[in-house]
Amino acid sequence: MSDLTLDELLKKKGGTAQEEETPVLTLDPGKLADKAAAESEHLSPQQLNRAKEIRKSIDLTDASLVLQYGAGIQRDVQAGADHILERARQTDHARAGQLLEDLAGLLEGAQADLPRENGRRSLFHSSERELKKAVKDFEKAEVQVDRIAMELERERTVCLRDIAVLDEFYDRSLEQFRQFQVYILAGEKALHDTRQETIPGLREQAARRGDAMSGQAVRDFEANVDLFEKKLHEMKVSKTIALQTAPQIRLIQNGDRLLAARSQTALTQTIPLWKNQMAIALGLERQQDALKRKG
């Protein structure tokens, strides 16, 4: 943008040149605005090259381009934020939590009449009446336990699927953040060059000509530059949103992981251990019955 002349600006405005073209202002291409340089620290060489390409395409005389700068990424961020919000609304941990609570109640109820040994229910020191009652309670609860196990497996599968989907959104949010860095870096560079080099040169040319059309063309151009600066500010806000989305995704994932882990523990440890106790109780009961018959 530093090579923009007043004649070119007037042509874009539909005016006519009134003097010979003013010599093009030169600019050190390696000079970056301090803020843009700071944001470039974490960009890869490929991303820095992309920022340079975008910088070359920025035409601040084009109001439409100014308004649309980075709009695609901002739409992606909004869509991602909407998805996370909807995902949070749809995520219902209550069902899985209720299943685990119901399971704990069933398992405890089926052993409620057994005596305790070292703080735990024991089959081996139970009376005949207590053992028979435990067997009946085991058998009565078994159907419900199996039903809960099936539902818990479904809930666990849903959690694992959601974790995988959220991993994709997490990666996407980080990529959006990097894209914002690239576009903001390119925009900051263009803004810096324009404010430091282009605008002073245009003002000087307009002052030499002294006509109203030249002055208005420069003022209109400056208005575009101001608009572009506001657009960059909006992009920085959107970049912050993109960055904040990542921990929000992880928070939801942690809830899913916790439920999946608790469900897995219930399915692979708690229920099998309970059924093992049930098998022992049945064996002990039959053993007692056999001894009675022999006696």
Protein backbone atom coordinates (compact mmCIF):
# COMPACT_ATOMS: atom_id res chain seq x y z
CA MET A 1 0.00 0.00 0.00
CA SER A 2 2.98 2.30 0.40
CA ASP A 3 3.29 2.73 -3.38
CA LEU A 4 -0.21 4.19 -3.73
CA THR A 5 -0.15 7.65 -5.36
CA LEU A 6 -2.76 10.35 -5.39
CA ASP A 7 -3.27 9.93 -9.15
CA GLU A 8 -4.05 6.23 -8.61
CA LEU A 9 -6.35 7.09 -5.72
CA LEU A 10 -8.22 9.64 -7.86
CA LYS A 11 -8.59 7.11 -10.66
CA LYS A 12 -10.14 4.63 -8.21
CA LYS A 13 -12.46 7.46 -7.12
CA GLY A 14 -13.34 8.28 -10.73
CA GLY A 15 -11.39 11.57 -10.79
CA THR A 16 -8.65 12.74 -13.16
CA ALA A 17 -4.98 13.37 -12.64
CA GLN A 18 -4.03 17.05 -12.46
CA GLU A 19 -0.21 16.78 -12.47
CA GLU A 20 2.63 14.43 -13.32
CA GLU A 21 2.85 11.31 -11.21
CA THR A 22 4.62 11.86 -7.94
CA PRO A 23 7.68 9.61 -7.37
CA VAL A 24 6.80 6.38 -5.60
CA LEU A 25 7.64 6.32 -1.93
CA THR A 26 10.07 3.58 -0.90
CA LEU A 27 9.69 1.34 2.15
CA ASP A 28 11.94 -1.15 3.86
CA PRO A 29 9.97 -4.41 3.41
CA GLY A 30 11.53 -5.93 6.53
CA LYS A 31 10.06 -3.31 8.87
CA LEU A 32 7.09 -4.61 10.87
CA ALA A 33 4.88 -2.97 13.43
CA ASP A 34 5.95 -3.91 16.95
CA LYS A 35 2.63 -5.48 17.73
CA ALA A 36 2.58 -7.58 14.58
CA ALA A 37 6.15 -8.72 15.21
CA ALA A 38 5.20 -9.89 18.70
CA GLU A 39 2.31 -11.92 17.33
CA SER A 40 4.55 -13.54 14.73
CA GLU A 41 6.76 -15.23 17.33
CA HIS A 42 4.73 -18.44 17.37
CA LEU A 43 4.05 -18.67 13.63
CA SER A 44 5.78 -21.20 11.42
CA PRO A 45 7.80 -20.11 8.37
CA GLN A 46 4.94 -21.29 6.16
CA GLN A 47 2.47 -19.17 8.13
CA LEU A 48 4.77 -16.15 7.93
CA ASN A 49 4.98 -16.60 4.16
CA ARG A 50 1.20 -16.84 4.02
CA ALA A 51 0.95 -13.57 5.98
CA LYS A 52 3.23 -11.90 3.41
CA GLU A 53 1.02 -13.15 0.57
CA ILE A 54 -2.10 -11.84 2.28
CA ARG A 55 -0.36 -8.53 2.95
CA LYS A 56 0.26 -8.10 -0.79
CA SER A 57 -3.42 -8.63 -1.54
CA ILE A 58 -4.71 -5.99 0.90
CA ASP A 59 -6.08 -2.98 -0.97
CA LEU A 60 -7.34 -0.38 1.48
CA THR A 61 -8.90 1.66 -1.34
CA ASP A 62 -11.47 -1.13 -1.70
CA ALA A 63 -14.14 -0.69 0.99
CA SER A 64 -15.66 -4.08 0.15
CA LEU A 65 -12.35 -5.83 0.72
CA VAL A 66 -11.91 -4.00 4.00
CA LEU A 67 -15.35 -5.14 5.23
CA GLN A 68 -14.78 -8.75 4.15
CA TYR A 69 -11.23 -9.08 5.49
CA GLY A 70 -11.03 -12.29 7.54
CA ALA A 71 -14.82 -12.70 7.47
CA GLY A 72 -14.58 -16.38 6.54
CA ILE A 73 -12.56 -17.28 9.62
CA GLN A 74 -14.86 -15.24 11.84
CA ARG A 75 -17.86 -17.16 10.47
CA ASP A 76 -16.08 -20.44 11.20
CA VAL A 77 -15.39 -19.35 14.78
CA GLN A 78 -19.03 -18.34 15.27
CA ALA A 79 -20.21 -21.67 13.87
CA GLY A 80 -17.79 -23.49 16.18
CA ALA A 81 -18.94 -21.51 19.22
CA ASP A 82 -22.58 -22.26 18.32
CA HIS A 83 -21.76 -25.96 18.05
CA ILE A 84 -20.05 -26.04 21.43
CA LEU A 85 -23.01 -24.22 23.01
CA GLU A 86 -25.45 -26.66 21.44
CA ARG A 87 -23.27 -29.59 22.49
CA ALA A 88 -23.25 -28.30 26.07
CA ARG A 89 -27.06 -27.99 25.99
CA GLN A 90 -27.50 -31.50 24.62
CA THR A 91 -25.01 -33.16 26.95
CA ASP A 92 -27.05 -34.80 29.68
CA HIS A 93 -24.93 -36.40 32.35
CA ALA A 94 -28.02 -36.94 34.48
CA ARG A 95 -29.01 -40.23 32.81
CA ALA A 96 -25.61 -41.89 33.19
CA GLY A 97 -25.32 -40.55 36.73
CA GLN A 98 -28.75 -41.92 37.59
CA LEU A 99 -27.86 -45.34 36.16
CA LEU A 100 -24.71 -45.49 38.29
CA GLU A 101 -26.68 -44.43 41.34
CA ASP A 102 -29.37 -47.05 40.65
CA LEU A 103 -26.71 -49.70 40.19
CA ALA A 104 -25.05 -48.87 43.49
CA GLY A 105 -28.43 -49.06 45.23
CA LEU A 106 -29.26 -52.45 43.70
CA LEU A 107 -25.91 -53.96 44.56
CA GLU A 108 -26.01 -52.69 48.12
CA GLY A 109 -29.64 -53.77 48.58
CA ALA A 110 -28.89 -57.30 47.43
CA GLN A 111 -26.33 -57.65 50.24
CA ALA A 112 -28.05 -55.58 52.91
CA ASP A 113 -28.81 -58.55 55.18
CA LEU A 114 -25.31 -60.01 55.12
CA PRO A 115 -23.08 -59.47 58.18
CA ARG A 116 -20.05 -57.22 57.88
CA GLU A 117 -16.47 -58.38 58.25
CA ASN A 118 -13.70 -55.76 58.32
CA GLY A 119 -16.21 -53.19 57.08
CA ARG A 120 -17.39 -55.30 54.13
CA ARG A 121 -20.37 -57.61 53.62
CA SER A 122 -19.36 -61.24 54.03
CA LEU A 123 -21.00 -64.39 52.68
CA PHE A 124 -18.84 -66.81 54.62
CA HIS A 125 -20.05 -65.85 58.09
CA SER A 126 -23.73 -65.66 57.20
CA SER A 127 -26.41 -67.68 58.83
CA GLU A 128 -28.58 -69.99 56.75
CA ARG A 129 -31.43 -67.49 56.81
CA GLU A 130 -29.17 -64.59 55.80
CA LEU A 131 -27.65 -66.61 52.99
CA LYS A 132 -31.02 -67.69 51.55
CA LYS A 133 -32.26 -64.10 51.74
CA ALA A 134 -29.12 -62.88 49.96
CA VAL A 135 -29.57 -65.45 47.17
CA LYS A 136 -33.16 -64.34 46.60
CA ASP A 137 -32.11 -60.68 46.58
CA PHE A 138 -29.27 -61.48 44.15
CA GLU A 139 -31.62 -63.25 41.75
CA LYS A 140 -34.23 -60.52 41.98
CA ALA A 141 -31.68 -57.78 41.25
CA GLU A 142 -29.89 -59.65 38.45
CA VAL A 143 -32.38 -58.69 35.71
CA GLN A 144 -32.25 -55.02 36.68
CA VAL A 145 -28.45 -55.08 36.91
CA ASP A 146 -28.22 -56.54 33.39
CA ARG A 147 -30.60 -53.86 32.09
CA ILE A 148 -28.51 -51.11 33.69
CA ALA A 149 -25.35 -52.68 32.26
CA MET A 150 -26.80 -52.48 28.73
CA GLU A 151 -27.79 -48.84 29.19
CA LEU A 152 -24.42 -47.97 30.71
CA GLU A 153 -22.65 -49.52 27.71
CA ARG A 154 -24.73 -47.30 25.41
CA GLU A 155 -23.93 -44.22 27.47
CA ARG A 156 -20.23 -45.12 27.49
CA THR A 157 -20.24 -45.51 23.69
CA VAL A 158 -21.90 -42.11 23.27
CA CYS A 159 -19.30 -40.51 25.56
CA LEU A 160 -16.41 -42.04 23.62
CA ARG A 161 -17.91 -40.92 20.31
CA ASP A 162 -18.43 -37.39 21.61
CA ILE A 163 -14.85 -37.25 22.89
CA ALA A 164 -13.58 -38.09 19.39
CA VAL A 165 -15.82 -35.45 17.79
CA LEU A 166 -14.69 -32.83 20.28
CA ASP A 167 -11.07 -33.67 19.56
CA GLU A 168 -11.70 -32.60 15.96
CA PHE A 169 -13.27 -29.34 17.13
CA TYR A 170 -10.37 -28.75 19.49
CA ASP A 171 -7.88 -29.08 16.63
CA ARG A 172 -10.05 -26.84 14.48
CA SER A 173 -10.22 -24.11 17.13
CA LEU A 174 -6.42 -24.08 17.40
CA GLU A 175 -6.11 -23.89 13.62
CA GLN A 176 -8.59 -20.99 13.56
CA PHE A 177 -6.48 -19.23 16.19
CA ARG A 178 -3.38 -19.62 14.02
CA GLN A 179 -5.25 -18.35 10.97
CA PHE A 180 -6.30 -15.28 12.92
CA GLN A 181 -2.67 -14.70 13.85
CA VAL A 182 -1.71 -14.84 10.17
CA TYR A 183 -4.46 -12.45 9.05
CA ILE A 184 -3.87 -10.07 11.94
CA LEU A 185 -0.14 -10.05 11.29
CA ALA A 186 -0.75 -9.22 7.61
CA GLY A 187 -3.32 -6.58 8.54
CA GLU A 188 -1.11 -4.96 11.19
CA LYS A 189 1.71 -4.78 8.65
CA ALA A 190 -0.58 -3.17 6.06
CA LEU A 191 -1.98 -0.75 8.64
CA HIS A 192 1.48 0.20 9.88
CA ASP A 193 2.81 0.81 6.36
CA THR A 194 -0.26 2.82 5.39
CA ARG A 195 -0.27 5.06 8.45
CA GLN A 196 3.48 5.61 8.49
CA GLU A 197 4.19 5.90 4.77
CA THR A 198 1.19 6.01 2.44
CA ILE A 199 -1.09 8.53 4.17
CA PRO A 200 1.65 11.13 4.82
CA GLY A 201 2.66 10.86 1.15
CA LEU A 202 -0.93 11.27 -0.06
CA ARG A 203 -1.52 14.24 2.23
CA GLU A 204 1.62 15.89 0.89
CA GLN A 205 0.53 15.33 -2.72
CA ALA A 206 -2.99 16.65 -2.01
CA ALA A 207 -1.58 19.73 -0.28
CA ARG A 208 0.57 20.49 -3.33
CA ARG A 209 -2.41 20.26 -5.65
CA GLY A 210 -4.68 22.18 -3.32
CA ASP A 211 -7.99 21.11 -4.98
CA ALA A 212 -11.07 19.84 -3.16
CA MET A 213 -11.25 16.54 -5.06
CA SER A 214 -7.74 15.51 -4.02
CA GLY A 215 -8.38 16.38 -0.39
CA GLN A 216 -11.67 14.46 -0.36
CA ALA A 217 -10.05 11.41 -1.97
CA VAL A 218 -7.43 11.32 0.77
CA ARG A 219 -10.06 11.73 3.49
CA ASP A 220 -12.13 8.89 2.02
CA PHE A 221 -9.05 6.71 1.92
CA GLU A 222 -8.28 7.52 5.55
CA ALA A 223 -11.85 6.55 6.45
CA ASN A 224 -11.23 3.17 4.83
CA VAL A 225 -8.03 2.81 6.84
CA ASP A 226 -9.91 3.63 10.06
CA LEU A 227 -12.53 1.04 9.14
CA PHE A 228 -9.81 -1.52 8.51
CA GLU A 229 -8.31 -0.82 11.92
CA LYS A 230 -11.70 -1.49 13.53
CA LYS A 231 -11.95 -4.67 11.49
CA LEU A 232 -8.60 -5.81 12.88
CA HIS A 233 -9.84 -5.12 16.39
CA GLU A 234 -12.89 -7.31 15.72
CA MET A 235 -10.60 -10.05 14.47
CA LYS A 236 -8.53 -9.86 17.65
CA VAL A 237 -11.70 -10.33 19.68
CA SER A 238 -12.65 -13.30 17.50
CA LYS A 239 -9.14 -14.69 17.95
CA THR A 240 -9.62 -14.54 21.71
CA ILE A 241 -12.92 -16.37 21.35
CA ALA A 242 -11.20 -19.04 19.25
CA LEU A 243 -8.53 -19.43 21.92
CA GLN A 244 -11.09 -19.63 24.73
CA THR A 245 -13.06 -22.30 22.86
CA ALA A 246 -10.24 -24.82 23.36
CA PRO A 247 -10.47 -25.07 27.18
CA GLN A 248 -14.26 -25.10 26.93
CA ILE A 249 -14.02 -28.14 24.68
CA ARG A 250 -11.63 -29.83 27.10
CA LEU A 251 -14.03 -29.13 29.98
CA ILE A 252 -16.86 -30.93 28.19
CA GLN A 253 -14.50 -33.74 27.23
CA ASN A 254 -13.38 -34.19 30.83
CA GLY A 255 -16.99 -34.70 31.87
CA ASP A 256 -17.45 -37.29 29.13
CA ARG A 257 -14.20 -39.03 30.09
CA LEU A 258 -15.22 -39.20 33.75
CA LEU A 259 -18.58 -40.75 32.88
CA ALA A 260 -16.98 -43.16 30.42
CA ALA A 261 -14.41 -44.22 33.05
CA ARG A 262 -17.03 -44.69 35.78
CA SER A 263 -19.23 -46.67 33.40
CA GLN A 264 -16.24 -48.78 32.35
CA THR A 265 -15.41 -49.51 35.99
CA ALA A 266 -18.98 -50.56 36.68
CA LEU A 267 -19.08 -52.81 33.60
CA THR A 268 -15.68 -54.47 33.96
CA GLN A 269 -15.21 -54.56 37.73
CA THR A 270 -18.22 -53.76 39.89
CA ILE A 271 -20.84 -55.87 38.11
CA PRO A 272 -18.56 -58.90 37.47
CA LEU A 273 -17.45 -58.84 41.13
CA TRP A 274 -21.08 -58.69 42.25
CA LYS A 275 -22.02 -61.61 39.99
CA ASN A 276 -19.07 -63.53 41.35
CA GLN A 277 -20.44 -63.01 44.86
CA MET A 278 -23.81 -64.16 43.59
CA ALA A 279 -22.24 -67.36 42.26
CA ILE A 280 -20.50 -67.92 45.61
CA ALA A 281 -23.77 -67.38 47.48
CA LEU A 282 -25.54 -69.91 45.27
CA GLY A 283 -22.71 -72.37 45.80
CA LEU A 284 -22.80 -71.95 49.56
CA GLU A 285 -26.58 -72.29 49.66
CA ARG A 286 -26.51 -75.52 47.68
CA GLN A 287 -23.68 -76.79 49.83
CA GLN A 288 -25.77 -76.17 52.95
CA ASP A 289 -28.77 -77.91 51.41
CA ALA A 290 -26.60 -80.91 50.47
CA LEU A 291 -25.20 -81.16 53.98
CA LYS A 292 -28.71 -81.06 55.42
CA ARG A 293 -29.83 -83.93 53.23
CA LYS A 294 -26.80 -85.96 54.23
CA GLY A 295 -27.41 -85.21 57.85
